[in-house]
Amino acid sequence: MGKTLLGGVKEGISVSPLKKGGKYLVKYSNLPTFMEVEGGEIYSFEVGGKSEDVVTALMDLQERKVFNTTWKVEDVKMREAKVERKDFVEVELLTPALLVDPFRKDRKKRFTNAFFVAFAVNFMDHLHVPREDYARIATSIEEKVREEPSIMEYAKVIYAGKEVVGIMGKFRYTILEKNEEIFAVLENALAKGIGSSRKNGFGRVSIK
């Protein structure tokens, strides 16, 4: 819905699912096919990316009629995606993430909290490198970060009419080397999500 209100997909940004009461509205496969919203209620969504890309996208945000429902814009707030420079971080997955294989192009996803896998798309986005170049440095990232006991769960969701399996949970890491690029990548994840299909609301996270 957020993409529709913005007038379609925009370059360089990700758009979250609708949110109500602090919870994202995700179409899990064990729920009815249709999702329902109530008239007169306030829903929100988030747009993440570089500030200039976000501002450009928001310029097209306007009242639209979708599915016989008129959606009006009530408020717009801007905030910086900032991660505290500290030795320990907890990343909570708020919507299912589809983690790509950093070594080969494959429709099959990875199911792990390994830092170089979980944030592969963010590294490629931040460093502006293709998968082949990232694969050469991926394992060296593990020298800078250590995975700690984490919670991992799996969720089936309906995406483009098909059932896909995403990963959920709380990933915990110790930052062994306070490399600025590590924190920049975490901020990329906070703004745009992790994994593939970030533009479609997958992989939304909070970081503390």
N, C-alpha and C. Protein backbone atom coordinates (compact mmCIF):
# COMPACT_ATOMS: atom_id res chain seq x y z
N MET A 1 0.82 -1.20 0.00
CA MET A 1 0.00 0.00 0.00
C MET A 1 0.87 1.26 0.00
N GLY A 2 1.97 1.23 0.77
CA GLY A 2 2.85 2.39 0.82
C GLY A 2 3.38 2.75 -0.56
N LYS A 3 3.80 1.73 -1.33
CA LYS A 3 4.30 1.99 -2.68
C LYS A 3 3.23 2.63 -3.55
N THR A 4 1.99 2.17 -3.38
CA THR A 4 0.89 2.73 -4.17
C THR A 4 0.67 4.20 -3.85
N LEU A 5 0.72 4.53 -2.56
CA LEU A 5 0.53 5.93 -2.15
C LEU A 5 1.67 6.82 -2.63
N LEU A 6 2.83 6.20 -2.85
CA LEU A 6 3.97 6.96 -3.36
C LEU A 6 3.97 7.04 -4.88
N GLY A 7 3.00 6.38 -5.50
CA GLY A 7 2.91 6.42 -6.96
C GLY A 7 3.74 5.37 -7.65
N GLY A 8 4.11 4.29 -6.93
CA GLY A 8 4.87 3.20 -7.52
C GLY A 8 6.24 3.05 -6.90
N VAL A 9 7.02 2.10 -7.44
CA VAL A 9 8.35 1.80 -6.91
C VAL A 9 9.30 2.96 -7.22
N LYS A 10 10.07 3.36 -6.23
CA LYS A 10 11.04 4.44 -6.39
C LYS A 10 12.45 3.89 -6.26
N GLU A 11 13.36 4.47 -7.03
CA GLU A 11 14.74 4.01 -7.03
C GLU A 11 15.44 4.35 -5.71
N GLY A 12 16.19 3.36 -5.16
CA GLY A 12 17.04 3.62 -4.01
C GLY A 12 16.37 3.62 -2.65
N ILE A 13 15.09 3.28 -2.59
CA ILE A 13 14.40 3.29 -1.29
C ILE A 13 13.73 1.95 -1.04
N SER A 14 13.39 1.71 0.21
CA SER A 14 12.55 0.57 0.58
C SER A 14 11.31 1.11 1.27
N VAL A 15 10.23 0.35 1.15
CA VAL A 15 8.96 0.76 1.73
C VAL A 15 8.43 -0.37 2.60
N SER A 16 8.10 -0.05 3.84
CA SER A 16 7.63 -1.08 4.78
C SER A 16 6.18 -1.44 4.50
N PRO A 17 5.72 -2.56 5.05
CA PRO A 17 4.28 -2.85 5.02
C PRO A 17 3.53 -1.81 5.86
N LEU A 18 2.22 -1.79 5.73
CA LEU A 18 1.42 -0.94 6.60
C LEU A 18 1.64 -1.33 8.06
N LYS A 19 1.50 -0.37 8.93
CA LYS A 19 1.76 -0.58 10.35
C LYS A 19 0.62 0.01 11.16
N LYS A 20 0.19 -0.72 12.18
CA LYS A 20 -0.86 -0.21 13.07
C LYS A 20 -0.55 -0.64 14.49
N GLY A 21 -0.58 0.32 15.40
CA GLY A 21 -0.30 0.00 16.79
C GLY A 21 1.09 -0.57 17.01
N GLY A 22 2.06 -0.12 16.22
CA GLY A 22 3.43 -0.59 16.38
C GLY A 22 3.71 -1.94 15.75
N LYS A 23 2.75 -2.52 15.04
CA LYS A 23 2.91 -3.85 14.46
C LYS A 23 2.69 -3.79 12.95
N TYR A 24 3.60 -4.43 12.21
CA TYR A 24 3.45 -4.48 10.76
C TYR A 24 2.36 -5.47 10.38
N LEU A 25 1.61 -5.12 9.34
CA LEU A 25 0.56 -6.00 8.84
C LEU A 25 1.14 -6.86 7.73
N VAL A 26 1.48 -8.09 8.07
CA VAL A 26 2.12 -9.02 7.13
C VAL A 26 1.16 -10.16 6.82
N LYS A 27 1.10 -10.56 5.57
CA LYS A 27 0.19 -11.62 5.15
C LYS A 27 0.87 -12.98 5.34
N TYR A 28 0.77 -13.53 6.55
CA TYR A 28 1.32 -14.86 6.82
C TYR A 28 0.42 -15.91 6.18
N SER A 29 1.02 -17.02 5.76
CA SER A 29 0.26 -18.00 4.98
C SER A 29 -0.77 -18.76 5.79
N ASN A 30 -0.67 -18.71 7.14
CA ASN A 30 -1.66 -19.39 7.97
C ASN A 30 -2.86 -18.50 8.28
N LEU A 31 -2.85 -17.29 7.71
CA LEU A 31 -3.97 -16.36 7.89
C LEU A 31 -4.83 -16.37 6.64
N PRO A 32 -6.05 -15.83 6.73
CA PRO A 32 -6.90 -15.75 5.53
C PRO A 32 -6.18 -15.00 4.41
N THR A 33 -6.56 -15.30 3.18
CA THR A 33 -5.91 -14.71 2.01
C THR A 33 -6.00 -13.19 2.02
N PHE A 34 -7.13 -12.67 2.48
CA PHE A 34 -7.34 -11.22 2.45
C PHE A 34 -7.02 -10.59 3.80
N MET A 35 -6.48 -9.38 3.75
CA MET A 35 -6.24 -8.61 4.96
C MET A 35 -7.22 -7.45 4.98
N GLU A 36 -7.66 -7.08 6.17
CA GLU A 36 -8.70 -6.06 6.29
C GLU A 36 -8.18 -4.84 7.03
N VAL A 37 -8.50 -3.67 6.52
CA VAL A 37 -8.22 -2.43 7.23
C VAL A 37 -9.55 -1.75 7.54
N GLU A 38 -9.56 -0.96 8.59
CA GLU A 38 -10.80 -0.34 9.03
C GLU A 38 -10.82 1.15 8.70
N GLY A 39 -11.95 1.62 8.19
CA GLY A 39 -12.10 3.03 7.87
C GLY A 39 -12.02 3.90 9.11
N GLY A 40 -11.43 5.07 8.97
CA GLY A 40 -11.32 6.00 10.10
C GLY A 40 -10.13 5.75 10.99
N GLU A 41 -9.42 4.64 10.77
CA GLU A 41 -8.23 4.33 11.58
C GLU A 41 -6.99 4.93 10.93
N ILE A 42 -5.94 5.11 11.73
CA ILE A 42 -4.68 5.65 11.21
C ILE A 42 -3.67 4.52 11.07
N TYR A 43 -3.13 4.38 9.88
CA TYR A 43 -2.08 3.40 9.58
C TYR A 43 -0.84 4.17 9.14
N SER A 44 0.30 3.55 9.26
CA SER A 44 1.53 4.21 8.85
C SER A 44 2.39 3.25 8.05
N PHE A 45 3.38 3.79 7.38
CA PHE A 45 4.41 2.97 6.74
C PHE A 45 5.69 3.79 6.72
N GLU A 46 6.81 3.11 6.51
CA GLU A 46 8.11 3.77 6.56
C GLU A 46 8.79 3.71 5.21
N VAL A 47 9.50 4.76 4.89
CA VAL A 47 10.28 4.85 3.66
C VAL A 47 11.73 5.02 4.07
N GLY A 48 12.61 4.14 3.61
CA GLY A 48 14.01 4.20 4.03
C GLY A 48 14.95 4.31 2.86
N GLY A 49 16.04 5.03 3.05
CA GLY A 49 17.06 5.20 2.02
C GLY A 49 17.85 6.46 2.29
N LYS A 50 18.66 6.87 1.33
CA LYS A 50 19.39 8.13 1.47
C LYS A 50 18.39 9.28 1.56
N SER A 51 18.75 10.30 2.32
CA SER A 51 17.80 11.39 2.58
C SER A 51 17.26 12.00 1.30
N GLU A 52 18.13 12.19 0.30
CA GLU A 52 17.67 12.81 -0.94
C GLU A 52 16.70 11.91 -1.70
N ASP A 53 16.93 10.58 -1.63
CA ASP A 53 16.02 9.64 -2.30
C ASP A 53 14.67 9.60 -1.59
N VAL A 54 14.71 9.65 -0.26
CA VAL A 54 13.46 9.62 0.52
C VAL A 54 12.65 10.88 0.24
N VAL A 55 13.31 12.04 0.25
CA VAL A 55 12.61 13.30 0.00
C VAL A 55 11.98 13.29 -1.40
N THR A 56 12.73 12.80 -2.38
CA THR A 56 12.19 12.72 -3.74
C THR A 56 10.96 11.84 -3.80
N ALA A 57 11.03 10.69 -3.11
CA ALA A 57 9.89 9.76 -3.10
C ALA A 57 8.67 10.39 -2.43
N LEU A 58 8.91 11.09 -1.33
CA LEU A 58 7.79 11.68 -0.58
C LEU A 58 7.11 12.81 -1.33
N MET A 59 7.78 13.36 -2.31
CA MET A 59 7.16 14.42 -3.11
C MET A 59 5.94 13.92 -3.88
N ASP A 60 5.91 12.60 -4.12
CA ASP A 60 4.78 12.01 -4.84
C ASP A 60 3.73 11.43 -3.91
N LEU A 61 3.93 11.59 -2.59
CA LEU A 61 2.96 11.07 -1.63
C LEU A 61 1.71 11.95 -1.64
N GLN A 62 0.58 11.33 -1.89
CA GLN A 62 -0.65 12.11 -1.96
C GLN A 62 -1.86 11.21 -1.71
N GLU A 63 -3.00 11.87 -1.53
CA GLU A 63 -4.25 11.13 -1.34
C GLU A 63 -4.55 10.32 -2.60
N ARG A 64 -4.91 9.05 -2.39
CA ARG A 64 -5.24 8.19 -3.52
C ARG A 64 -6.41 7.28 -3.15
N LYS A 65 -7.13 6.86 -4.17
CA LYS A 65 -8.21 5.91 -3.96
C LYS A 65 -7.76 4.54 -4.43
N VAL A 66 -7.71 3.59 -3.50
CA VAL A 66 -7.24 2.25 -3.79
C VAL A 66 -8.22 1.25 -3.20
N PHE A 67 -8.60 0.24 -3.98
CA PHE A 67 -9.55 -0.78 -3.53
C PHE A 67 -10.82 -0.15 -2.96
N ASN A 68 -11.34 0.83 -3.68
CA ASN A 68 -12.58 1.51 -3.28
C ASN A 68 -12.47 2.21 -1.92
N THR A 69 -11.25 2.52 -1.54
CA THR A 69 -11.01 3.20 -0.26
C THR A 69 -10.14 4.43 -0.50
N THR A 70 -10.52 5.53 0.07
CA THR A 70 -9.72 6.75 -0.05
C THR A 70 -8.71 6.82 1.09
N TRP A 71 -7.44 6.92 0.73
CA TRP A 71 -6.36 7.01 1.72
C TRP A 71 -5.85 8.45 1.74
N LYS A 72 -5.88 9.07 2.92
CA LYS A 72 -5.45 10.45 3.07
C LYS A 72 -4.17 10.51 3.90
N VAL A 73 -3.30 11.45 3.55
CA VAL A 73 -2.05 11.64 4.28
C VAL A 73 -2.31 12.55 5.47
N GLU A 74 -2.03 12.05 6.67
CA GLU A 74 -2.26 12.83 7.89
C GLU A 74 -0.99 13.53 8.38
N ASP A 75 0.16 12.85 8.26
CA ASP A 75 1.38 13.41 8.83
C ASP A 75 2.59 12.73 8.20
N VAL A 76 3.69 13.45 8.11
CA VAL A 76 4.95 12.90 7.61
C VAL A 76 6.06 13.33 8.57
N LYS A 77 6.85 12.36 9.03
CA LYS A 77 7.95 12.66 9.94
C LYS A 77 9.25 12.11 9.36
N MET A 78 10.33 12.87 9.52
CA MET A 78 11.64 12.45 9.05
C MET A 78 12.55 12.21 10.25
N ARG A 79 13.33 11.14 10.20
CA ARG A 79 14.32 10.91 11.24
C ARG A 79 15.53 10.21 10.64
N GLU A 80 16.67 10.44 11.26
CA GLU A 80 17.91 9.85 10.79
C GLU A 80 18.05 8.43 11.33
N ALA A 81 18.49 7.52 10.47
CA ALA A 81 18.76 6.14 10.90
C ALA A 81 20.15 6.12 11.52
N LYS A 82 20.20 6.03 12.84
CA LYS A 82 21.47 6.12 13.55
C LYS A 82 21.63 4.94 14.49
N VAL A 83 22.80 4.31 14.47
CA VAL A 83 23.11 3.19 15.35
C VAL A 83 24.24 3.60 16.28
N GLU A 84 24.02 3.38 17.58
CA GLU A 84 25.04 3.74 18.58
C GLU A 84 26.30 2.92 18.38
N ARG A 85 27.44 3.57 18.47
CA ARG A 85 28.74 2.90 18.34
C ARG A 85 29.06 2.19 19.64
N LYS A 86 28.73 0.92 19.76
CA LYS A 86 29.00 0.16 20.98
C LYS A 86 29.44 -1.25 20.63
N ASP A 87 29.80 -2.02 21.65
CA ASP A 87 30.41 -3.34 21.43
C ASP A 87 29.39 -4.44 21.20
N PHE A 88 28.14 -4.23 21.53
CA PHE A 88 27.13 -5.29 21.42
C PHE A 88 25.86 -4.72 20.79
N VAL A 89 25.30 -5.45 19.83
CA VAL A 89 24.05 -5.00 19.21
C VAL A 89 23.07 -6.17 19.14
N GLU A 90 21.80 -5.83 19.24
CA GLU A 90 20.73 -6.80 19.06
C GLU A 90 19.86 -6.32 17.90
N VAL A 91 19.70 -7.17 16.93
CA VAL A 91 18.91 -6.86 15.74
C VAL A 91 17.64 -7.69 15.78
N GLU A 92 16.51 -7.03 15.92
CA GLU A 92 15.23 -7.74 15.94
C GLU A 92 14.58 -7.64 14.57
N LEU A 93 14.21 -8.79 14.02
CA LEU A 93 13.54 -8.83 12.73
C LEU A 93 12.05 -8.63 12.94
N LEU A 94 11.52 -7.55 12.38
CA LEU A 94 10.13 -7.17 12.59
C LEU A 94 9.21 -7.70 11.51
N THR A 95 9.77 -7.98 10.34
CA THR A 95 9.05 -8.69 9.27
C THR A 95 9.99 -9.77 8.74
N PRO A 96 9.47 -10.85 8.18
CA PRO A 96 10.33 -11.94 7.71
C PRO A 96 11.39 -11.44 6.73
N ALA A 97 12.60 -11.97 6.88
CA ALA A 97 13.71 -11.59 6.00
C ALA A 97 14.03 -12.73 5.05
N LEU A 98 14.37 -12.37 3.82
CA LEU A 98 14.77 -13.34 2.80
C LEU A 98 16.26 -13.12 2.55
N LEU A 99 17.09 -13.93 3.20
CA LEU A 99 18.54 -13.71 3.16
C LEU A 99 19.15 -14.36 1.92
N VAL A 100 19.85 -13.56 1.14
CA VAL A 100 20.43 -14.05 -0.11
C VAL A 100 21.73 -14.79 0.16
N ASP A 101 22.10 -15.65 -0.78
CA ASP A 101 23.39 -16.32 -0.73
C ASP A 101 24.44 -15.33 -1.23
N PRO A 102 25.44 -15.01 -0.40
CA PRO A 102 26.43 -14.02 -0.82
C PRO A 102 27.43 -14.54 -1.84
N PHE A 103 27.45 -15.85 -2.07
CA PHE A 103 28.47 -16.44 -2.94
C PHE A 103 27.97 -16.80 -4.33
N ARG A 104 26.66 -17.01 -4.48
CA ARG A 104 26.13 -17.38 -5.80
C ARG A 104 24.70 -16.89 -5.94
N LYS A 105 24.31 -16.61 -7.15
CA LYS A 105 22.93 -16.21 -7.41
C LYS A 105 22.06 -17.45 -7.37
N ASP A 106 21.14 -17.49 -6.42
CA ASP A 106 20.33 -18.68 -6.19
C ASP A 106 18.97 -18.26 -5.66
N ARG A 107 17.92 -18.90 -6.15
CA ARG A 107 16.59 -18.58 -5.64
C ARG A 107 16.41 -19.06 -4.20
N LYS A 108 17.19 -20.07 -3.81
CA LYS A 108 17.13 -20.57 -2.44
C LYS A 108 17.75 -19.55 -1.50
N LYS A 109 17.13 -19.37 -0.34
CA LYS A 109 17.62 -18.40 0.62
C LYS A 109 18.45 -19.08 1.71
N ARG A 110 19.21 -18.28 2.42
CA ARG A 110 20.01 -18.76 3.56
C ARG A 110 19.22 -18.56 4.85
N PHE A 111 19.45 -19.47 5.80
CA PHE A 111 18.78 -19.38 7.10
C PHE A 111 19.84 -19.44 8.19
N THR A 112 20.37 -18.29 8.53
CA THR A 112 21.47 -18.19 9.48
C THR A 112 21.53 -16.77 10.02
N ASN A 113 22.20 -16.62 11.17
CA ASN A 113 22.42 -15.27 11.69
C ASN A 113 23.85 -14.80 11.43
N ALA A 114 24.62 -15.56 10.63
CA ALA A 114 25.99 -15.14 10.31
C ALA A 114 25.97 -13.71 9.77
N PHE A 115 26.77 -12.86 10.35
CA PHE A 115 26.71 -11.43 10.04
C PHE A 115 26.93 -11.16 8.55
N PHE A 116 27.91 -11.85 7.96
CA PHE A 116 28.23 -11.57 6.56
C PHE A 116 27.14 -12.05 5.60
N VAL A 117 26.25 -12.93 6.10
CA VAL A 117 25.10 -13.37 5.30
C VAL A 117 23.90 -12.46 5.56
N ALA A 118 23.59 -12.26 6.85
CA ALA A 118 22.41 -11.47 7.21
C ALA A 118 22.46 -10.06 6.61
N PHE A 119 23.67 -9.49 6.52
CA PHE A 119 23.79 -8.11 6.04
C PHE A 119 24.49 -8.02 4.68
N ALA A 120 24.47 -9.12 3.93
CA ALA A 120 25.14 -9.14 2.63
C ALA A 120 24.60 -8.06 1.69
N VAL A 121 23.28 -7.96 1.59
CA VAL A 121 22.68 -6.97 0.70
C VAL A 121 23.05 -5.55 1.14
N ASN A 122 23.13 -5.34 2.44
CA ASN A 122 23.48 -4.01 2.96
C ASN A 122 24.92 -3.65 2.64
N PHE A 123 25.82 -4.63 2.76
CA PHE A 123 27.22 -4.38 2.39
C PHE A 123 27.32 -4.03 0.91
N MET A 124 26.65 -4.80 0.06
CA MET A 124 26.71 -4.55 -1.38
C MET A 124 26.12 -3.18 -1.72
N ASP A 125 25.05 -2.83 -1.02
CA ASP A 125 24.41 -1.53 -1.24
C ASP A 125 25.33 -0.39 -0.77
N HIS A 126 25.88 -0.54 0.41
CA HIS A 126 26.73 0.52 0.99
C HIS A 126 28.04 0.68 0.22
N LEU A 127 28.66 -0.45 -0.15
CA LEU A 127 29.96 -0.40 -0.83
C LEU A 127 29.83 -0.24 -2.34
N HIS A 128 28.61 -0.35 -2.85
CA HIS A 128 28.35 -0.26 -4.30
C HIS A 128 29.16 -1.31 -5.06
N VAL A 129 29.08 -2.55 -4.59
CA VAL A 129 29.81 -3.64 -5.24
C VAL A 129 28.84 -4.75 -5.62
N PRO A 130 29.14 -5.50 -6.69
CA PRO A 130 28.29 -6.64 -7.06
C PRO A 130 28.58 -7.84 -6.16
N ARG A 131 27.75 -8.86 -6.28
CA ARG A 131 27.90 -10.06 -5.45
C ARG A 131 29.30 -10.67 -5.58
N GLU A 132 29.83 -10.71 -6.80
CA GLU A 132 31.12 -11.35 -7.02
C GLU A 132 32.23 -10.67 -6.21
N ASP A 133 32.20 -9.35 -6.15
CA ASP A 133 33.22 -8.63 -5.38
C ASP A 133 32.98 -8.80 -3.88
N TYR A 134 31.73 -8.79 -3.47
CA TYR A 134 31.44 -8.96 -2.04
C TYR A 134 31.87 -10.34 -1.57
N ALA A 135 31.69 -11.36 -2.40
CA ALA A 135 32.05 -12.73 -2.01
C ALA A 135 33.52 -12.83 -1.63
N ARG A 136 34.36 -11.99 -2.24
CA ARG A 136 35.80 -12.04 -1.96
C ARG A 136 36.15 -11.50 -0.57
N ILE A 137 35.30 -10.63 -0.05
CA ILE A 137 35.61 -10.03 1.26
C ILE A 137 34.67 -10.51 2.37
N ALA A 138 33.68 -11.32 2.00
CA ALA A 138 32.62 -11.70 2.95
C ALA A 138 33.17 -12.34 4.21
N THR A 139 34.03 -13.34 4.06
CA THR A 139 34.49 -14.05 5.25
C THR A 139 35.40 -13.19 6.13
N SER A 140 36.06 -12.19 5.54
CA SER A 140 36.92 -11.32 6.35
C SER A 140 36.09 -10.47 7.31
N ILE A 141 34.82 -10.29 7.00
CA ILE A 141 33.93 -9.52 7.88
C ILE A 141 33.75 -10.24 9.21
N GLU A 142 33.83 -11.57 9.17
CA GLU A 142 33.66 -12.36 10.40
C GLU A 142 34.77 -12.11 11.41
N GLU A 143 35.89 -11.56 10.96
CA GLU A 143 36.96 -11.21 11.89
C GLU A 143 36.59 -10.01 12.75
N LYS A 144 35.60 -9.25 12.29
CA LYS A 144 35.23 -8.02 12.98
C LYS A 144 33.99 -8.17 13.86
N VAL A 145 33.23 -9.25 13.64
CA VAL A 145 31.96 -9.44 14.35
C VAL A 145 31.83 -10.89 14.80
N ARG A 146 31.30 -11.09 16.01
CA ARG A 146 31.06 -12.45 16.50
C ARG A 146 29.57 -12.62 16.79
N GLU A 147 29.01 -13.70 16.27
CA GLU A 147 27.61 -14.01 16.57
C GLU A 147 27.48 -14.50 18.00
N GLU A 148 26.46 -14.04 18.69
CA GLU A 148 26.17 -14.48 20.06
C GLU A 148 24.87 -15.30 20.04
N PRO A 149 24.57 -16.02 21.16
CA PRO A 149 23.32 -16.80 21.20
C PRO A 149 22.14 -15.93 20.77
N SER A 150 21.42 -16.42 19.79
CA SER A 150 20.35 -15.64 19.17
C SER A 150 19.07 -16.47 19.08
N ILE A 151 18.00 -15.80 18.74
CA ILE A 151 16.71 -16.46 18.54
C ILE A 151 16.41 -16.44 17.06
N MET A 152 16.16 -17.63 16.48
CA MET A 152 15.81 -17.72 15.06
C MET A 152 14.54 -18.53 14.89
N GLU A 153 13.61 -17.96 14.15
CA GLU A 153 12.35 -18.62 13.85
C GLU A 153 12.09 -18.48 12.36
N TYR A 154 11.10 -19.19 11.88
CA TYR A 154 10.80 -19.17 10.45
C TYR A 154 9.32 -18.89 10.25
N ALA A 155 9.01 -18.13 9.23
CA ALA A 155 7.62 -17.75 8.98
C ALA A 155 7.31 -17.89 7.49
N LYS A 156 6.15 -18.46 7.20
CA LYS A 156 5.69 -18.58 5.82
C LYS A 156 4.77 -17.40 5.52
N VAL A 157 5.07 -16.71 4.44
CA VAL A 157 4.26 -15.56 4.05
C VAL A 157 3.85 -15.69 2.59
N ILE A 158 2.79 -14.97 2.23
CA ILE A 158 2.34 -14.95 0.85
C ILE A 158 2.95 -13.74 0.16
N TYR A 159 3.69 -13.98 -0.91
CA TYR A 159 4.34 -12.91 -1.66
C TYR A 159 4.13 -13.16 -3.15
N ALA A 160 3.53 -12.20 -3.82
CA ALA A 160 3.23 -12.32 -5.26
C ALA A 160 2.43 -13.59 -5.54
N GLY A 161 1.51 -13.90 -4.63
CA GLY A 161 0.63 -15.04 -4.81
C GLY A 161 1.25 -16.38 -4.48
N LYS A 162 2.50 -16.39 -4.01
CA LYS A 162 3.18 -17.64 -3.68
C LYS A 162 3.61 -17.63 -2.21
N GLU A 163 3.78 -18.84 -1.68
CA GLU A 163 4.24 -18.97 -0.30
C GLU A 163 5.76 -19.00 -0.27
N VAL A 164 6.35 -18.13 0.54
CA VAL A 164 7.80 -18.12 0.71
C VAL A 164 8.11 -18.21 2.20
N VAL A 165 9.29 -18.72 2.51
CA VAL A 165 9.71 -18.87 3.91
C VAL A 165 10.77 -17.82 4.23
N GLY A 166 10.52 -17.05 5.26
CA GLY A 166 11.47 -16.04 5.71
C GLY A 166 11.94 -16.34 7.11
N ILE A 167 13.00 -15.67 7.52
CA ILE A 167 13.56 -15.86 8.86
C ILE A 167 13.15 -14.69 9.75
N MET A 168 12.88 -15.00 11.01
CA MET A 168 12.51 -14.01 12.02
C MET A 168 13.40 -14.22 13.24
N GLY A 169 13.27 -13.35 14.24
CA GLY A 169 13.99 -13.57 15.48
C GLY A 169 14.75 -12.36 15.97
N LYS A 170 15.71 -12.63 16.86
CA LYS A 170 16.59 -11.60 17.40
C LYS A 170 18.02 -12.07 17.23
N PHE A 171 18.78 -11.35 16.42
CA PHE A 171 20.17 -11.69 16.16
C PHE A 171 21.06 -10.81 17.05
N ARG A 172 21.97 -11.45 17.77
CA ARG A 172 22.84 -10.70 18.68
C ARG A 172 24.30 -10.85 18.25
N TYR A 173 25.02 -9.74 18.31
CA TYR A 173 26.41 -9.72 17.84
C TYR A 173 27.29 -8.91 18.78
N THR A 174 28.54 -9.37 18.92
CA THR A 174 29.58 -8.58 19.56
C THR A 174 30.44 -7.98 18.46
N ILE A 175 30.64 -6.67 18.52
CA ILE A 175 31.48 -5.98 17.54
C ILE A 175 32.91 -6.05 18.05
N LEU A 176 33.74 -6.87 17.41
CA LEU A 176 35.11 -7.08 17.85
C LEU A 176 36.03 -5.94 17.41
N GLU A 177 35.71 -5.36 16.28
CA GLU A 177 36.51 -4.27 15.74
C GLU A 177 35.57 -3.14 15.35
N LYS A 178 35.69 -2.01 16.01
CA LYS A 178 34.78 -0.89 15.74
C LYS A 178 35.13 -0.21 14.42
N ASN A 179 34.83 -0.94 13.37
CA ASN A 179 35.04 -0.45 12.01
C ASN A 179 33.84 0.40 11.60
N GLU A 180 34.08 1.60 11.11
CA GLU A 180 32.98 2.51 10.77
C GLU A 180 32.05 1.92 9.71
N GLU A 181 32.61 1.11 8.83
CA GLU A 181 31.77 0.50 7.78
C GLU A 181 30.76 -0.47 8.38
N ILE A 182 31.12 -1.14 9.46
CA ILE A 182 30.19 -2.06 10.12
C ILE A 182 28.96 -1.28 10.59
N PHE A 183 29.18 -0.15 11.22
CA PHE A 183 28.05 0.64 11.73
C PHE A 183 27.27 1.30 10.59
N ALA A 184 27.96 1.68 9.53
CA ALA A 184 27.27 2.25 8.37
C ALA A 184 26.35 1.22 7.74
N VAL A 185 26.79 -0.02 7.71
CA VAL A 185 25.97 -1.11 7.17
C VAL A 185 24.77 -1.37 8.07
N LEU A 186 24.98 -1.32 9.38
CA LEU A 186 23.85 -1.48 10.31
C LEU A 186 22.83 -0.35 10.12
N GLU A 187 23.31 0.85 9.87
CA GLU A 187 22.39 1.97 9.63
C GLU A 187 21.65 1.80 8.31
N ASN A 188 22.32 1.23 7.32
CA ASN A 188 21.65 0.90 6.07
C ASN A 188 20.52 -0.08 6.32
N ALA A 189 20.79 -1.08 7.18
CA ALA A 189 19.78 -2.08 7.52
C ALA A 189 18.62 -1.46 8.28
N LEU A 190 18.93 -0.55 9.19
CA LEU A 190 17.89 0.10 9.97
C LEU A 190 16.96 0.92 9.07
N ALA A 191 17.53 1.56 8.07
CA ALA A 191 16.75 2.40 7.17
C ALA A 191 15.98 1.59 6.13
N LYS A 192 16.63 0.54 5.59
CA LYS A 192 16.07 -0.12 4.41
C LYS A 192 15.72 -1.59 4.60
N GLY A 193 16.12 -2.18 5.76
CA GLY A 193 15.86 -3.59 5.98
C GLY A 193 17.02 -4.46 5.53
N ILE A 194 16.90 -5.78 5.74
CA ILE A 194 17.95 -6.72 5.35
C ILE A 194 17.39 -7.74 4.36
N GLY A 195 18.31 -8.38 3.62
CA GLY A 195 17.90 -9.42 2.69
C GLY A 195 17.32 -8.87 1.40
N SER A 196 16.76 -9.77 0.60
CA SER A 196 16.16 -9.37 -0.67
C SER A 196 14.73 -8.90 -0.47
N SER A 197 14.18 -8.29 -1.51
CA SER A 197 12.80 -7.78 -1.50
C SER A 197 12.57 -6.75 -0.39
N ARG A 198 13.61 -5.98 -0.08
CA ARG A 198 13.44 -4.91 0.92
C ARG A 198 12.43 -3.87 0.44
N LYS A 199 12.38 -3.67 -0.88
CA LYS A 199 11.44 -2.69 -1.43
C LYS A 199 9.99 -3.09 -1.16
N ASN A 200 9.80 -4.38 -0.90
CA ASN A 200 8.45 -4.89 -0.68
C ASN A 200 8.16 -5.17 0.78
N GLY A 201 8.99 -4.64 1.67
CA GLY A 201 8.69 -4.72 3.10
C GLY A 201 9.28 -5.88 3.84
N PHE A 202 10.07 -6.72 3.16
CA PHE A 202 10.71 -7.83 3.86
C PHE A 202 11.93 -7.33 4.63
N GLY A 203 12.24 -8.01 5.74
CA GLY A 203 13.47 -7.74 6.47
C GLY A 203 13.54 -6.43 7.23
N ARG A 204 12.40 -5.90 7.67
CA ARG A 204 12.42 -4.69 8.49
C ARG A 204 13.01 -5.04 9.86
N VAL A 205 13.86 -4.17 10.39
CA VAL A 205 14.56 -4.47 11.65
C VAL A 205 14.54 -3.28 12.59
N SER A 206 14.75 -3.59 13.87
CA SER A 206 15.11 -2.57 14.86
C SER A 206 16.46 -2.98 15.42
N ILE A 207 17.25 -2.01 15.82
CA ILE A 207 18.60 -2.29 16.32
C ILE A 207 18.82 -1.55 17.63
N LYS A 208 19.27 -2.28 18.64
CA LYS A 208 19.59 -1.64 19.91
C LYS A 208 20.83 -2.25 20.51
